[in-house]
Structures are given as structure tokens and as C-alpha cells.
Amino acid sequence: MIRNLEIERLEESSSLRPEATASVCRAYIEHGMHAWPQPVKLYYTGPMFRRERPQKGRYRQFYQIGQKCWRWCRRTGRRENIGKDAAVDAEVIEMVMAFFARLGLEGVKLEINSIGIASAGRSMWSCCARN
């Protein structure tokens, strides 16, 4: 369900993005990306807004950076999220670190943690070592 945050002022109505995932999913469908060379890799960045009262240390406006990596499964005729693949994880980490470097941020430190199973961690590290 897509929810719009509305501000009523001077008889005008504006919508603020609550987050970008739904918009990216809609673009995938509306632009026929299932027919593009697979997998389809998309990213987004920008200001988003919370409707609920923010918790301590959080603000109504925040910036979100995200990515989606999908492929169309011809067998099932459905979109598959392949974002759980270790190679995709490594690519996203590299993309974000390159983004921070281009921003000129100093002292950026990458810390990797996993709450997954040990075999998944070994798979990710072997992928990173190959690349």
C-alpha cells in the first residue's frame, strides 16, 4: 500500500515521499524492465519524510540511499529479488564506499557484521576475496 503524506496550505496539496521502495517497484513494472537484459539494477537517493512522531534522535525528514537488484524468472513468470546474493552485497558495499569517496568524506570506516548463519558469511567473504 502506498501512503502519501499531505500538507494542506493555501488550498494546495503536496505529497511527500515516505520512502522510495514502492516507487522503484512501480517503475520496474510500468517501464517493462522485465524485458530488459537481466538482472536489472536500480538505485535511489533523496529526502524522505516520516508521518509519525519521530523518536528521540530522529527527524521527520531523512535521506535514504537504496538499491534494488531483480531478475525476471521465465520459469515462474515473476520478478525475483536477488539482493540476498553475496556478490550483490559486495557490489552494493563497493558502490556506497565509492559514493562516499566522491563526496569527499574523510574518515569513513567500513564495518561488516552478519546476523545470518556462518556458512552465509563464509560465502560472502570468499566472494569478496575473489573480487
C-alpha atoms as a PDB file:
ATOM      1  CA  MET A   1       0.000   0.000   0.000  1.00  0.00           C
ATOM      2  CA  ILE A   2       1.373   3.386  -0.978  1.00  0.00           C
ATOM      3  CA  ARG A   3       0.729   6.115   1.524  1.00  0.00           C
ATOM      4  CA  ASN A   4       1.043   9.814   0.763  1.00  0.00           C
ATOM      5  CA  LEU A   5       1.826  12.389   3.386  1.00  0.00           C
ATOM      6  CA  GLU A   6      -0.151  15.504   2.614  1.00  0.00           C
ATOM      7  CA  ILE A   7       0.303  19.097   3.650  1.00  0.00           C
ATOM      8  CA  GLU A   8      -2.669  21.373   3.192  1.00  0.00           C
ATOM      9  CA  ARG A   9      -1.748  25.028   2.890  1.00  0.00           C
ATOM     10  CA  LEU A  10      -3.361  27.815   0.889  1.00  0.00           C
ATOM     11  CA  GLU A  11      -5.742  25.345  -0.777  1.00  0.00           C
ATOM     12  CA  GLU A  12      -2.830  23.381  -2.261  1.00  0.00           C
ATOM     13  CA  SER A  13      -1.965  19.768  -1.591  1.00  0.00           C
ATOM     14  CA  SER A  14       1.580  18.397  -1.798  1.00  0.00           C
ATOM     15  CA  SER A  15       2.763  14.838  -1.363  1.00  0.00           C
ATOM     16  CA  LEU A  16       5.984  13.964   0.434  1.00  0.00           C
ATOM     17  CA  ARG A  17       7.814  10.676  -0.153  1.00  0.00           C
ATOM     18  CA  PRO A  18       7.542   8.341   2.828  1.00  0.00           C
ATOM     19  CA  GLU A  19      10.250   6.087   1.280  1.00  0.00           C
ATOM     20  CA  ALA A  20      11.392   5.037  -2.197  1.00  0.00           C
ATOM     21  CA  THR A  21      10.975   1.266  -2.382  1.00  0.00           C
ATOM     22  CA  ALA A  22       7.387   1.380  -3.667  1.00  0.00           C
ATOM     23  CA  SER A  23       8.315   3.918  -6.352  1.00  0.00           C
ATOM     24  CA  VAL A  24      11.161   1.735  -7.616  1.00  0.00           C
ATOM     25  CA  CYS A  25       8.884  -1.329  -7.745  1.00  0.00           C
ATOM     26  CA  ARG A  26       6.277   0.666  -9.670  1.00  0.00           C
ATOM     27  CA  ALA A  27       8.907   1.912 -12.148  1.00  0.00           C
ATOM     28  CA  TYR A  28      10.093  -1.676 -12.737  1.00  0.00           C
ATOM     29  CA  ILE A  29       6.569  -2.717 -13.692  1.00  0.00           C
ATOM     30  CA  GLU A  30       5.457   0.415 -15.583  1.00  0.00           C
ATOM     31  CA  HIS A  31       8.596   0.595 -17.736  1.00  0.00           C
ATOM     32  CA  GLY A  32       8.618  -3.080 -18.658  1.00  0.00           C
ATOM     33  CA  MET A  33      12.011  -3.716 -17.077  1.00  0.00           C
ATOM     34  CA  HIS A  34      11.284  -7.446 -17.020  1.00  0.00           C
ATOM     35  CA  ALA A  35      12.076  -7.361 -20.767  1.00  0.00           C
ATOM     36  CA  TRP A  36      15.449  -5.614 -20.237  1.00  0.00           C
ATOM     37  CA  PRO A  37      18.735  -7.526 -20.039  1.00  0.00           C
ATOM     38  CA  GLN A  38      18.745  -9.235 -16.643  1.00  0.00           C
ATOM     39  CA  PRO A  39      19.447  -8.625 -13.823  1.00  0.00           C
ATOM     40  CA  VAL A  40      18.076  -5.076 -13.537  1.00  0.00           C
ATOM     41  CA  LYS A  41      19.993  -2.954 -11.022  1.00  0.00           C
ATOM     42  CA  LEU A  42      18.432   0.266  -9.758  1.00  0.00           C
ATOM     43  CA  TYR A  43      19.390   2.757  -7.077  1.00  0.00           C
ATOM     44  CA  TYR A  44      17.751   5.755  -5.455  1.00  0.00           C
ATOM     45  CA  THR A  45      18.670   8.576  -3.150  1.00  0.00           C
ATOM     46  CA  GLY A  46      16.875  11.580  -1.778  1.00  0.00           C
ATOM     47  CA  PRO A  47      14.930  13.149   1.042  1.00  0.00           C
ATOM     48  CA  MET A  48      12.097  11.128   2.598  1.00  0.00           C
ATOM     49  CA  PHE A  49       9.602  12.040   5.303  1.00  0.00           C
ATOM     50  CA  ARG A  50       8.104  10.328   8.359  1.00  0.00           C
ATOM     51  CA  ARG A  51       4.485  10.921   9.243  1.00  0.00           C
ATOM     52  CA  GLU A  52       4.587   9.533  12.764  1.00  0.00           C
ATOM     53  CA  ARG A  53       6.141  11.418  15.607  1.00  0.00           C
ATOM     54  CA  PRO A  54       9.915  10.810  15.388  1.00  0.00           C
ATOM     55  CA  GLN A  55      11.703   9.020  18.205  1.00  0.00           C
ATOM     56  CA  LYS A  56      14.497  10.721  20.095  1.00  0.00           C
ATOM     57  CA  GLY A  57      17.402  11.497  17.768  1.00  0.00           C
ATOM     58  CA  ARG A  58      15.325  11.065  14.600  1.00  0.00           C
ATOM     59  CA  TYR A  59      13.812  13.719  12.372  1.00  0.00           C
ATOM     60  CA  ARG A  60      10.716  13.913  10.196  1.00  0.00           C
ATOM     61  CA  GLN A  61      12.896  14.441   7.130  1.00  0.00           C
ATOM     62  CA  PHE A  62      15.701  11.973   6.450  1.00  0.00           C
ATOM     63  CA  TYR A  63      17.819  10.942   3.477  1.00  0.00           C
ATOM     64  CA  GLN A  64      17.630   7.440   2.091  1.00  0.00           C
ATOM     65  CA  ILE A  65      20.060   5.678  -0.226  1.00  0.00           C
ATOM     66  CA  GLY A  66      18.978   2.312  -1.515  1.00  0.00           C
ATOM     67  CA  GLN A  67      19.315  -0.204  -4.310  1.00  0.00           C
ATOM     68  CA  LYS A  68      17.281  -2.998  -5.817  1.00  0.00           C
ATOM     69  CA  CYS A  69      18.598  -5.851  -7.919  1.00  0.00           C
ATOM     70  CA  TRP A  70      15.983  -8.011  -9.645  1.00  0.00           C
ATOM     71  CA  ARG A  71      15.823 -10.538 -12.424  1.00  0.00           C
ATOM     72  CA  TRP A  72      12.789 -11.862 -14.249  1.00  0.00           C
ATOM     73  CA  CYS A  73      12.312 -15.592 -13.749  1.00  0.00           C
ATOM     74  CA  ARG A  74      10.996 -17.005 -17.027  1.00  0.00           C
ATOM     75  CA  ARG A  75      10.081 -20.308 -15.338  1.00  0.00           C
ATOM     76  CA  THR A  76       7.687 -18.717 -12.812  1.00  0.00           C
ATOM     77  CA  GLY A  77       6.908 -15.534 -14.760  1.00  0.00           C
ATOM     78  CA  ARG A  78       7.698 -13.468 -11.669  1.00  0.00           C
ATOM     79  CA  ARG A  79      10.299 -10.982 -10.514  1.00  0.00           C
ATOM     80  CA  GLU A  80      12.951 -12.371  -8.148  1.00  0.00           C
ATOM     81  CA  ASN A  81      14.868 -10.282  -5.653  1.00  0.00           C
ATOM     82  CA  ILE A  82      18.478 -11.406  -5.937  1.00  0.00           C
ATOM     83  CA  GLY A  83      19.644  -8.896  -3.338  1.00  0.00           C
ATOM     84  CA  LYS A  84      20.474 -11.768  -0.961  1.00  0.00           C
ATOM     85  CA  ASP A  85      23.326 -12.945  -3.189  1.00  0.00           C
ATOM     86  CA  ALA A  86      26.770 -12.334  -1.646  1.00  0.00           C
ATOM     87  CA  ALA A  87      28.111 -10.940  -4.943  1.00  0.00           C
ATOM     88  CA  VAL A  88      25.305  -8.365  -4.974  1.00  0.00           C
ATOM     89  CA  ASP A  89      26.104  -7.456  -1.349  1.00  0.00           C
ATOM     90  CA  ALA A  90      29.764  -6.896  -2.285  1.00  0.00           C
ATOM     91  CA  GLU A  91      28.765  -4.747  -5.266  1.00  0.00           C
ATOM     92  CA  VAL A  92      26.480  -2.586  -3.106  1.00  0.00           C
ATOM     93  CA  ILE A  93      29.199  -2.126  -0.469  1.00  0.00           C
ATOM     94  CA  GLU A  94      31.643  -1.064  -3.183  1.00  0.00           C
ATOM     95  CA  MET A  95      29.051   1.332  -4.669  1.00  0.00           C
ATOM     96  CA  VAL A  96      28.371   3.019  -1.328  1.00  0.00           C
ATOM     97  CA  MET A  97      32.062   3.360  -0.475  1.00  0.00           C
ATOM     98  CA  ALA A  98      32.746   4.881  -3.917  1.00  0.00           C
ATOM     99  CA  PHE A  99      29.819   7.273  -3.359  1.00  0.00           C
ATOM    100  CA  PHE A 100      31.255   8.397  -0.012  1.00  0.00           C
ATOM    101  CA  ALA A 101      34.693   8.859  -1.596  1.00  0.00           C
ATOM    102  CA  ARG A 102      33.228  11.024  -4.384  1.00  0.00           C
ATOM    103  CA  LEU A 103      31.529  13.147  -1.734  1.00  0.00           C
ATOM    104  CA  GLY A 104      34.972  13.742  -0.254  1.00  0.00           C
ATOM    105  CA  LEU A 105      34.026  12.324   3.136  1.00  0.00           C
ATOM    106  CA  GLU A 106      37.062  11.707   5.294  1.00  0.00           C
ATOM    107  CA  GLY A 107      37.462   9.030   7.923  1.00  0.00           C
ATOM    108  CA  VAL A 108      34.742   6.758   6.537  1.00  0.00           C
ATOM    109  CA  LYS A 109      35.147   3.347   8.117  1.00  0.00           C
ATOM    110  CA  LEU A 110      33.518   0.184   6.816  1.00  0.00           C
ATOM    111  CA  GLU A 111      32.471  -2.345   9.425  1.00  0.00           C
ATOM    112  CA  ILE A 112      30.815  -5.558   8.277  1.00  0.00           C
ATOM    113  CA  ASN A 113      28.663  -7.630  10.561  1.00  0.00           C
ATOM    114  CA  SER A 114      26.318 -10.511   9.960  1.00  0.00           C
ATOM    115  CA  ILE A 115      23.335 -11.768  11.885  1.00  0.00           C
ATOM    116  CA  GLY A 116      22.995 -14.604   9.396  1.00  0.00           C
ATOM    117  CA  ILE A 117      24.320 -18.134   9.521  1.00  0.00           C
ATOM    118  CA  ALA A 118      28.051 -18.792   9.477  1.00  0.00           C
ATOM    119  CA  SER A 119      28.021 -20.502   6.059  1.00  0.00           C
ATOM    120  CA  ALA A 120      26.459 -17.378   4.512  1.00  0.00           C
ATOM    121  CA  GLY A 121      29.260 -15.270   5.979  1.00  0.00           C
ATOM    122  CA  ARG A 122      31.906 -17.610   4.550  1.00  0.00           C
ATOM    123  CA  SER A 123      30.222 -17.364   1.150  1.00  0.00           C
ATOM    124  CA  MET A 124      30.272 -13.562   1.284  1.00  0.00           C
ATOM    125  CA  TRP A 125      33.945 -13.401   2.319  1.00  0.00           C
ATOM    126  CA  SER A 126      35.020 -15.833  -0.403  1.00  0.00           C
ATOM    127  CA  CYS A 127      33.153 -13.679  -2.946  1.00  0.00           C
ATOM    128  CA  CYS A 128      34.863 -10.530  -1.656  1.00  0.00           C
ATOM    129  CA  ALA A 129      38.268 -12.226  -1.817  1.00  0.00           C
ATOM    130  CA  ARG A 130      37.716 -13.176  -5.494  1.00  0.00           C
ATOM    131  CA  ASN A 131      36.726  -9.611  -6.396  1.00  0.00           C
END
